PDB file of all heavy atoms in Angstrom:
ATOM      1  N   GLY A   1     -17.451  24.332  26.360  1.00  0.00           N
ATOM      2  CA  GLY A   1     -17.664  25.034  27.613  1.00  0.00           C
ATOM      3  C   GLY A   1     -17.030  26.407  27.671  1.00  0.00           C
ATOM      4  O   GLY A   1     -16.534  26.826  28.733  1.00  0.00           O
ATOM      5  N   LEU A   2     -17.053  27.145  26.552  1.00  0.00           N
ATOM      6  CA  LEU A   2     -16.521  28.493  26.563  1.00  0.00           C
ATOM      7  C   LEU A   2     -17.398  29.388  27.430  1.00  0.00           C
ATOM      8  O   LEU A   2     -18.614  29.214  27.491  1.00  0.00           O
ATOM      9  CB  LEU A   2     -16.451  29.057  25.138  1.00  0.00           C
ATOM     10  CG  LEU A   2     -15.661  28.250  24.098  1.00  0.00           C
ATOM     11  CD1 LEU A   2     -15.441  29.096  22.851  1.00  0.00           C
ATOM     12  CD2 LEU A   2     -14.340  27.734  24.637  1.00  0.00           C
ATOM     13  N   VAL A   3     -16.790  30.350  28.075  1.00  0.00           N
ATOM     14  CA  VAL A   3     -17.553  31.213  28.983  1.00  0.00           C
ATOM     15  C   VAL A   3     -18.432  32.189  28.209  1.00  0.00           C
ATOM     16  O   VAL A   3     -19.431  32.703  28.753  1.00  0.00           O
ATOM     17  CB  VAL A   3     -16.627  31.985  29.940  1.00  0.00           C
ATOM     18  CG1 VAL A   3     -15.883  31.027  30.852  1.00  0.00           C
ATOM     19  CG2 VAL A   3     -15.638  32.875  29.180  1.00  0.00           C
ATOM     20  N   GLU A   4     -18.090  32.439  26.960  1.00  0.00           N
ATOM     21  CA  GLU A   4     -18.857  33.361  26.125  1.00  0.00           C
ATOM     22  C   GLU A   4     -18.495  33.100  24.683  1.00  0.00           C
ATOM     23  O   GLU A   4     -17.380  32.664  24.377  1.00  0.00           O
ATOM     24  CB  GLU A   4     -18.527  34.808  26.496  1.00  0.00           C
ATOM     25  CG  GLU A   4     -19.308  35.862  25.747  1.00  0.00           C
ATOM     26  CD  GLU A   4     -18.908  37.285  26.119  1.00  0.00           C
ATOM     27  OE1 GLU A   4     -18.159  37.458  27.102  1.00  0.00           O
ATOM     28  OE2 GLU A   4     -19.342  38.225  25.412  1.00  0.00           O
ATOM     29  N   HIS A   5     -19.438  33.363  23.776  1.00  0.00           N
ATOM     30  CA  HIS A   5     -19.153  33.236  22.350  1.00  0.00           C
ATOM     31  C   HIS A   5     -19.838  34.383  21.627  1.00  0.00           C
ATOM     32  O   HIS A   5     -21.040  34.591  21.770  1.00  0.00           O
ATOM     33  CB  HIS A   5     -19.655  31.902  21.800  1.00  0.00           C
ATOM     34  CG  HIS A   5     -19.409  31.736  20.325  1.00  0.00           C
ATOM     35  ND1 HIS A   5     -20.380  31.295  19.446  1.00  0.00           N
ATOM     36  CD2 HIS A   5     -18.299  31.967  19.574  1.00  0.00           C
ATOM     37  CE1 HIS A   5     -19.871  31.242  18.231  1.00  0.00           C
ATOM     38  NE2 HIS A   5     -18.615  31.643  18.279  1.00  0.00           N
ATOM     39  N   ARG A   6     -19.058  35.133  20.866  1.00  0.00           N
ATOM     40  CA  ARG A   6     -19.588  36.257  20.116  1.00  0.00           C
ATOM     41  C   ARG A   6     -19.369  36.026  18.628  1.00  0.00           C
ATOM     42  O   ARG A   6     -18.321  35.523  18.207  1.00  0.00           O
ATOM     43  CB  ARG A   6     -18.909  37.564  20.527  1.00  0.00           C
ATOM     44  CG  ARG A   6     -19.052  37.892  21.999  1.00  0.00           C
ATOM     45  CD  ARG A   6     -18.334  39.172  22.345  1.00  0.00           C
ATOM     46  NE  ARG A   6     -18.977  40.335  21.756  1.00  0.00           N
ATOM     47  CZ  ARG A   6     -19.900  41.076  22.378  1.00  0.00           C
ATOM     48  NH1 ARG A   6     -20.279  40.770  23.608  1.00  0.00           N
ATOM     49  NH2 ARG A   6     -20.437  42.123  21.782  1.00  0.00           N
ATOM     50  N   VAL A   7     -20.373  36.384  17.830  1.00  0.00           N
ATOM     51  CA  VAL A   7     -20.271  36.343  16.371  1.00  0.00           C
ATOM     52  C   VAL A   7     -20.509  37.757  15.871  1.00  0.00           C
ATOM     53  O   VAL A   7     -21.544  38.357  16.169  1.00  0.00           O
ATOM     54  CB  VAL A   7     -21.297  35.387  15.744  1.00  0.00           C
ATOM     55  CG1 VAL A   7     -21.162  35.382  14.221  1.00  0.00           C
ATOM     56  CG2 VAL A   7     -21.142  33.971  16.291  1.00  0.00           C
ATOM     57  N   ILE A   8     -19.546  38.306  15.135  1.00  0.00           N
ATOM     58  CA  ILE A   8     -19.719  39.646  14.613  1.00  0.00           C
ATOM     59  C   ILE A   8     -19.581  39.629  13.096  1.00  0.00           C
ATOM     60  O   ILE A   8     -18.909  38.771  12.520  1.00  0.00           O
ATOM     61  CB  ILE A   8     -18.732  40.653  15.235  1.00  0.00           C
ATOM     62  CG1 ILE A   8     -17.284  40.298  14.911  1.00  0.00           C
ATOM     63  CG2 ILE A   8     -18.917  40.728  16.745  1.00  0.00           C
ATOM     64  CD1 ILE A   8     -16.303  41.354  15.394  1.00  0.00           C
ATOM     65  N   ALA A   9     -20.247  40.585  12.450  1.00  0.00           N
ATOM     66  CA  ALA A   9     -20.255  40.663  10.994  1.00  0.00           C
ATOM     67  C   ALA A   9     -19.210  41.650  10.502  1.00  0.00           C
ATOM     68  O   ALA A   9     -19.140  42.786  10.983  1.00  0.00           O
ATOM     69  CB  ALA A   9     -21.635  41.081  10.497  1.00  0.00           C
ATOM     70  N   VAL A  10     -18.389  41.195   9.579  1.00  0.00           N
ATOM     71  CA  VAL A  10     -17.400  42.039   8.900  1.00  0.00           C
ATOM     72  C   VAL A  10     -17.462  41.637   7.428  1.00  0.00           C
ATOM     73  O   VAL A  10     -16.899  40.621   7.037  1.00  0.00           O
ATOM     74  CB  VAL A  10     -15.971  41.815   9.445  1.00  0.00           C
ATOM     75  CG1 VAL A  10     -14.999  42.771   8.781  1.00  0.00           C
ATOM     76  CG2 VAL A  10     -15.928  41.971  10.951  1.00  0.00           C
ATOM     77  N   ASN A  11     -18.143  42.409   6.624  1.00  0.00           N
ATOM     78  CA  ASN A  11     -18.475  41.955   5.275  1.00  0.00           C
ATOM     79  C   ASN A  11     -17.319  42.109   4.291  1.00  0.00           C
ATOM     80  O   ASN A  11     -17.291  43.016   3.460  1.00  0.00           O
ATOM     81  CB  ASN A  11     -19.711  42.692   4.760  1.00  0.00           C
ATOM     82  CG  ASN A  11     -20.222  42.090   3.459  1.00  0.00           C
ATOM     83  OD1 ASN A  11     -19.842  40.983   3.075  1.00  0.00           O
ATOM     84  ND2 ASN A  11     -21.088  42.818   2.777  1.00  0.00           N
ATOM     85  N   LEU A  12     -16.375  41.186   4.360  1.00  0.00           N
ATOM     86  CA  LEU A  12     -15.257  41.189   3.421  1.00  0.00           C
ATOM     87  C   LEU A  12     -15.699  40.795   2.013  1.00  0.00           C
ATOM     88  O   LEU A  12     -14.977  41.036   1.043  1.00  0.00           O
ATOM     89  CB  LEU A  12     -14.162  40.238   3.904  1.00  0.00           C
ATOM     90  CG  LEU A  12     -13.555  40.535   5.276  1.00  0.00           C
ATOM     91  CD1 LEU A  12     -12.448  39.534   5.589  1.00  0.00           C
ATOM     92  CD2 LEU A  12     -13.033  41.956   5.366  1.00  0.00           C
ATOM     93  N   ALA A  13     -16.897  40.209   1.906  1.00  0.00           N
ATOM     94  CA  ALA A  13     -17.401  39.805   0.591  1.00  0.00           C
ATOM     95  C   ALA A  13     -17.803  41.006  -0.254  1.00  0.00           C
ATOM     96  O   ALA A  13     -17.955  40.874  -1.473  1.00  0.00           O
ATOM     97  CB  ALA A  13     -18.594  38.868   0.755  1.00  0.00           C
ATOM     98  N   SER A  14     -17.969  42.174   0.358  1.00  0.00           N
ATOM     99  CA  SER A  14     -18.463  43.335  -0.386  1.00  0.00           C
ATOM    100  C   SER A  14     -17.484  43.780  -1.470  1.00  0.00           C
ATOM    101  O   SER A  14     -17.872  44.440  -2.424  1.00  0.00           O
ATOM    102  CB  SER A  14     -18.765  44.498   0.566  1.00  0.00           C
ATOM    103  OG  SER A  14     -17.598  44.934   1.235  1.00  0.00           O
ATOM    104  N   TRP A  15     -16.198  43.440  -1.312  1.00  0.00           N
ATOM    105  CA  TRP A  15     -15.252  43.763  -2.384  1.00  0.00           C
ATOM    106  C   TRP A  15     -14.613  42.526  -3.001  1.00  0.00           C
ATOM    107  O   TRP A  15     -13.741  42.632  -3.849  1.00  0.00           O
ATOM    108  CB  TRP A  15     -14.174  44.721  -1.894  1.00  0.00           C
ATOM    109  CG  TRP A  15     -13.513  44.369  -0.589  1.00  0.00           C
ATOM    110  CD1 TRP A  15     -12.605  43.380  -0.345  1.00  0.00           C
ATOM    111  CD2 TRP A  15     -13.731  45.022   0.655  1.00  0.00           C
ATOM    112  NE1 TRP A  15     -12.236  43.375   0.965  1.00  0.00           N
ATOM    113  CE2 TRP A  15     -12.909  44.385   1.613  1.00  0.00           C
ATOM    114  CE3 TRP A  15     -14.531  46.095   1.068  1.00  0.00           C
ATOM    115  CZ2 TRP A  15     -12.864  44.771   2.954  1.00  0.00           C
ATOM    116  CZ3 TRP A  15     -14.485  46.481   2.392  1.00  0.00           C
ATOM    117  CH2 TRP A  15     -13.667  45.821   3.320  1.00  0.00           C
ATOM    118  N   GLY A  16     -15.012  41.334  -2.594  1.00  0.00           N
ATOM    119  CA  GLY A  16     -14.563  40.118  -3.258  1.00  0.00           C
ATOM    120  C   GLY A  16     -13.070  39.880  -3.143  1.00  0.00           C
ATOM    121  O   GLY A  16     -12.470  40.131  -2.114  1.00  0.00           O
ATOM    122  N   GLY A  17     -12.494  39.381  -4.225  1.00  0.00           N
ATOM    123  CA  GLY A  17     -11.060  39.113  -4.245  1.00  0.00           C
ATOM    124  C   GLY A  17     -10.686  37.720  -3.812  1.00  0.00           C
ATOM    125  O   GLY A  17      -9.499  37.401  -3.715  1.00  0.00           O
ATOM    126  N   SER A  18     -11.683  36.862  -3.551  1.00  0.00           N
ATOM    127  CA  SER A  18     -11.416  35.496  -3.092  1.00  0.00           C
ATOM    128  C   SER A  18     -12.552  34.593  -3.517  1.00  0.00           C
ATOM    129  O   SER A  18     -13.721  34.996  -3.513  1.00  0.00           O
ATOM    130  CB  SER A  18     -11.286  35.466  -1.568  1.00  0.00           C
ATOM    131  OG  SER A  18     -11.300  34.133  -1.086  1.00  0.00           O
ATOM    132  N   SER A  19     -12.223  33.345  -3.845  1.00  0.00           N
ATOM    133  CA  SER A  19     -13.284  32.395  -4.178  1.00  0.00           C
ATOM    134  C   SER A  19     -14.084  31.969  -2.952  1.00  0.00           C
ATOM    135  O   SER A  19     -15.133  31.340  -3.085  1.00  0.00           O
ATOM    136  CB  SER A  19     -12.701  31.165  -4.881  1.00  0.00           C
ATOM    137  OG  SER A  19     -11.698  30.543  -4.093  1.00  0.00           O
ATOM    138  N   LEU A  20     -13.625  32.335  -1.752  1.00  0.00           N
ATOM    139  CA  LEU A  20     -14.416  32.051  -0.547  1.00  0.00           C
ATOM    140  C   LEU A  20     -15.519  33.078  -0.333  1.00  0.00           C
ATOM    141  O   LEU A  20     -16.477  32.813   0.399  1.00  0.00           O
ATOM    142  CB  LEU A  20     -13.526  32.025   0.706  1.00  0.00           C
ATOM    143  CG  LEU A  20     -12.563  30.862   0.866  1.00  0.00           C
ATOM    144  CD1 LEU A  20     -11.994  30.851   2.278  1.00  0.00           C
ATOM    145  CD2 LEU A  20     -13.228  29.535   0.568  1.00  0.00           C
ATOM    146  N   THR A  21     -15.379  34.244  -0.956  1.00  0.00           N
ATOM    147  CA  THR A  21     -16.367  35.306  -0.750  1.00  0.00           C
ATOM    148  C   THR A  21     -17.060  35.731  -2.037  1.00  0.00           C
ATOM    149  O   THR A  21     -18.022  36.506  -1.983  1.00  0.00           O
ATOM    150  CB  THR A  21     -15.699  36.544  -0.119  1.00  0.00           C
ATOM    151  OG1 THR A  21     -14.632  36.989  -0.966  1.00  0.00           O
ATOM    152  CG2 THR A  21     -15.156  36.225   1.271  1.00  0.00           C
ATOM    153  N   ASP A  22     -16.603  35.275  -3.174  1.00  0.00           N
ATOM    154  CA  ASP A  22     -17.188  35.641  -4.465  1.00  0.00           C
ATOM    155  C   ASP A  22     -17.667  34.371  -5.149  1.00  0.00           C
ATOM    156  O   ASP A  22     -16.864  33.557  -5.613  1.00  0.00           O
ATOM    157  CB  ASP A  22     -16.137  36.349  -5.327  1.00  0.00           C
ATOM    158  CG  ASP A  22     -16.696  36.871  -6.645  1.00  0.00           C
ATOM    159  OD1 ASP A  22     -17.818  36.462  -7.023  1.00  0.00           O
ATOM    160  OD2 ASP A  22     -16.011  37.675  -7.304  1.00  0.00           O
ATOM    161  N   THR A  23     -18.985  34.202  -5.221  1.00  0.00           N
ATOM    162  CA  THR A  23     -19.544  32.961  -5.776  1.00  0.00           C
ATOM    163  C   THR A  23     -19.393  32.880  -7.295  1.00  0.00           C
ATOM    164  O   THR A  23     -19.701  31.846  -7.885  1.00  0.00           O
ATOM    165  CB  THR A  23     -21.034  32.825  -5.403  1.00  0.00           C
ATOM    166  OG1 THR A  23     -21.744  34.000  -5.824  1.00  0.00           O
ATOM    167  CG2 THR A  23     -21.193  32.649  -3.898  1.00  0.00           C
ATOM    168  N   ASP A  24     -18.920  33.958  -7.922  1.00  0.00           N
ATOM    169  CA  ASP A  24     -18.627  33.881  -9.356  1.00  0.00           C
ATOM    170  C   ASP A  24     -17.299  33.179  -9.620  1.00  0.00           C
ATOM    171  O   ASP A  24     -16.997  32.830 -10.764  1.00  0.00           O
ATOM    172  CB  ASP A  24     -18.576  35.287  -9.967  1.00  0.00           C
ATOM    173  CG  ASP A  24     -19.959  35.933 -10.057  1.00  0.00           C
ATOM    174  OD1 ASP A  24     -20.955  35.190 -10.122  1.00  0.00           O
ATOM    175  OD2 ASP A  24     -20.027  37.177 -10.039  1.00  0.00           O
ATOM    176  N   LEU A  25     -16.509  33.003  -8.571  1.00  0.00           N
ATOM    177  CA  LEU A  25     -15.231  32.302  -8.688  1.00  0.00           C
ATOM    178  C   LEU A  25     -15.385  30.876  -8.177  1.00  0.00           C
ATOM    179  O   LEU A  25     -16.047  30.643  -7.167  1.00  0.00           O
ATOM    180  CB  LEU A  25     -14.147  33.030  -7.878  1.00  0.00           C
ATOM    181  CG  LEU A  25     -13.867  34.482  -8.260  1.00  0.00           C
ATOM    182  CD1 LEU A  25     -12.843  35.086  -7.291  1.00  0.00           C
ATOM    183  CD2 LEU A  25     -13.374  34.576  -9.698  1.00  0.00           C
ATOM    184  N   ALA A  26     -14.762  29.941  -8.849  1.00  0.00           N
ATOM    185  CA  ALA A  26     -14.866  28.529  -8.465  1.00  0.00           C
ATOM    186  C   ALA A  26     -13.848  28.192  -7.382  1.00  0.00           C
ATOM    187  O   ALA A  26     -12.710  28.666  -7.417  1.00  0.00           O
ATOM    188  CB  ALA A  26     -14.641  27.628  -9.680  1.00  0.00           C
ATOM    189  N   ILE A  27     -14.284  27.366  -6.428  1.00  0.00           N
ATOM    190  CA  ILE A  27     -13.352  26.818  -5.441  1.00  0.00           C
ATOM    191  C   ILE A  27     -12.435  25.831  -6.156  1.00  0.00           C
ATOM    192  O   ILE A  27     -12.918  24.923  -6.841  1.00  0.00           O
ATOM    193  CB  ILE A  27     -14.108  26.096  -4.313  1.00  0.00           C
ATOM    194  CG1 ILE A  27     -15.021  27.060  -3.557  1.00  0.00           C
ATOM    195  CG2 ILE A  27     -13.135  25.421  -3.359  1.00  0.00           C
ATOM    196  CD1 ILE A  27     -14.313  28.069  -2.715  1.00  0.00           C
ATOM    197  N   PRO A  28     -11.117  25.972  -6.047  1.00  0.00           N
ATOM    198  CA  PRO A  28     -10.215  25.040  -6.744  1.00  0.00           C
ATOM    199  C   PRO A  28     -10.444  23.595  -6.296  1.00  0.00           C
ATOM    200  O   PRO A  28     -10.589  23.322  -5.105  1.00  0.00           O
ATOM    201  CB  PRO A  28      -8.822  25.522  -6.335  1.00  0.00           C
ATOM    202  CG  PRO A  28      -9.003  26.948  -5.936  1.00  0.00           C
ATOM    203  CD  PRO A  28     -10.372  27.026  -5.330  1.00  0.00           C
ATOM    204  N   ALA A  29     -10.504  22.706  -7.273  1.00  0.00           N
ATOM    205  CA  ALA A  29     -10.688  21.288  -6.972  1.00  0.00           C
ATOM    206  C   ALA A  29      -9.378  20.522  -7.018  1.00  0.00           C
ATOM    207  O   ALA A  29      -9.332  19.346  -6.651  1.00  0.00           O
ATOM    208  CB  ALA A  29     -11.670  20.665  -7.964  1.00  0.00           C
ATOM    209  N   GLU A  30      -8.305  21.189  -7.451  1.00  0.00           N
ATOM    210  CA  GLU A  30      -6.994  20.565  -7.522  1.00  0.00           C
ATOM    211  C   GLU A  30      -6.114  21.097  -6.389  1.00  0.00           C
ATOM    212  O   GLU A  30      -6.265  22.242  -5.954  1.00  0.00           O
ATOM    213  CB  GLU A  30      -6.325  20.858  -8.863  1.00  0.00           C
ATOM    214  CG  GLU A  30      -7.080  20.308 -10.061  1.00  0.00           C
ATOM    215  CD  GLU A  30      -7.159  18.788 -10.045  1.00  0.00           C
ATOM    216  OE1 GLU A  30      -6.178  18.165  -9.577  1.00  0.00           O
ATOM    217  OE2 GLU A  30      -8.179  18.239 -10.490  1.00  0.00           O
ATOM    218  N   PRO A  31      -5.187  20.272  -5.863  1.00  0.00           N
ATOM    219  CA  PRO A  31      -4.287  20.748  -4.804  1.00  0.00           C
ATOM    220  C   PRO A  31      -3.486  21.957  -5.246  1.00  0.00           C
ATOM    221  O   PRO A  31      -3.118  22.082  -6.417  1.00  0.00           O
ATOM    222  CB  PRO A  31      -3.374  19.535  -4.558  1.00  0.00           C
ATOM    223  CG  PRO A  31      -4.139  18.358  -5.064  1.00  0.00           C
ATOM    224  CD  PRO A  31      -4.949  18.859  -6.215  1.00  0.00           C
ATOM    225  N   SER A  32      -3.225  22.842  -4.316  1.00  0.00           N
ATOM    226  CA  SER A  32      -2.412  24.011  -4.617  1.00  0.00           C
ATOM    227  C   SER A  32      -0.985  23.585  -4.958  1.00  0.00           C
ATOM    228  O   SER A  32      -0.445  22.660  -4.361  1.00  0.00           O
ATOM    229  CB  SER A  32      -2.377  24.964  -3.414  1.00  0.00           C
ATOM    230  OG  SER A  32      -3.669  25.413  -3.098  1.00  0.00           O
ATOM    231  N   ARG A  33      -0.378  24.281  -5.916  1.00  0.00           N
ATOM    232  CA  ARG A  33       1.015  24.010  -6.260  1.00  0.00           C
ATOM    233  C   ARG A  33       1.939  24.694  -5.258  1.00  0.00           C
ATOM    234  O   ARG A  33       1.598  25.732  -4.693  1.00  0.00           O
ATOM    235  CB  ARG A  33       1.315  24.496  -7.674  1.00  0.00           C
ATOM    236  CG  ARG A  33       0.549  23.745  -8.756  1.00  0.00           C
ATOM    237  CD  ARG A  33       1.095  24.103 -10.124  1.00  0.00           C
ATOM    238  NE  ARG A  33       0.882  25.516 -10.427  1.00  0.00           N
ATOM    239  CZ  ARG A  33      -0.203  25.979 -11.048  1.00  0.00           C
ATOM    240  NH1 ARG A  33      -1.175  25.148 -11.387  1.00  0.00           N
ATOM    241  NH2 ARG A  33      -0.319  27.269 -11.305  1.00  0.00           N
ATOM    242  N   ALA A  34       3.095  24.104  -5.042  1.00  0.00           N
ATOM    243  CA  ALA A  34       4.070  24.669  -4.110  1.00  0.00           C
ATOM    244  C   ALA A  34       4.403  26.101  -4.511  1.00  0.00           C
ATOM    245  O   ALA A  34       4.676  26.384  -5.681  1.00  0.00           O
ATOM    246  CB  ALA A  34       5.337  23.817  -4.091  1.00  0.00           C
ATOM    247  N   GLY A  35       4.379  27.008  -3.537  1.00  0.00           N
ATOM    248  CA  GLY A  35       4.697  28.398  -3.779  1.00  0.00           C
ATOM    249  C   GLY A  35       3.557  29.229  -4.316  1.00  0.00           C
ATOM    250  O   GLY A  35       3.686  30.444  -4.471  1.00  0.00           O
ATOM    251  N   GLU A  36       2.427  28.606  -4.593  1.00  0.00           N
ATOM    252  CA  GLU A  36       1.272  29.306  -5.135  1.00  0.00           C
ATOM    253  C   GLU A  36       0.295  29.659  -4.012  1.00  0.00           C
ATOM    254  O   GLU A  36      -0.002  28.835  -3.154  1.00  0.00           O
ATOM    255  CB  GLU A  36       0.563  28.430  -6.169  1.00  0.00           C
ATOM    256  CG  GLU A  36      -0.718  29.014  -6.715  1.00  0.00           C
ATOM    257  CD  GLU A  36      -1.475  28.026  -7.595  1.00  0.00           C
ATOM    258  OE1 GLU A  36      -1.841  26.949  -7.087  1.00  0.00           O
ATOM    259  OE2 GLU A  36      -1.686  28.340  -8.773  1.00  0.00           O
TER     260      GLU A  36
END
């Protein structure tokens, strides 16, 4: 029941740097190590 909902585009994928935005990088299937 939000009074309004906005979706805006901010293309962080254009420079990559993350497996969430760069499909050439694999999403880790193992738990992250402490401090990593």
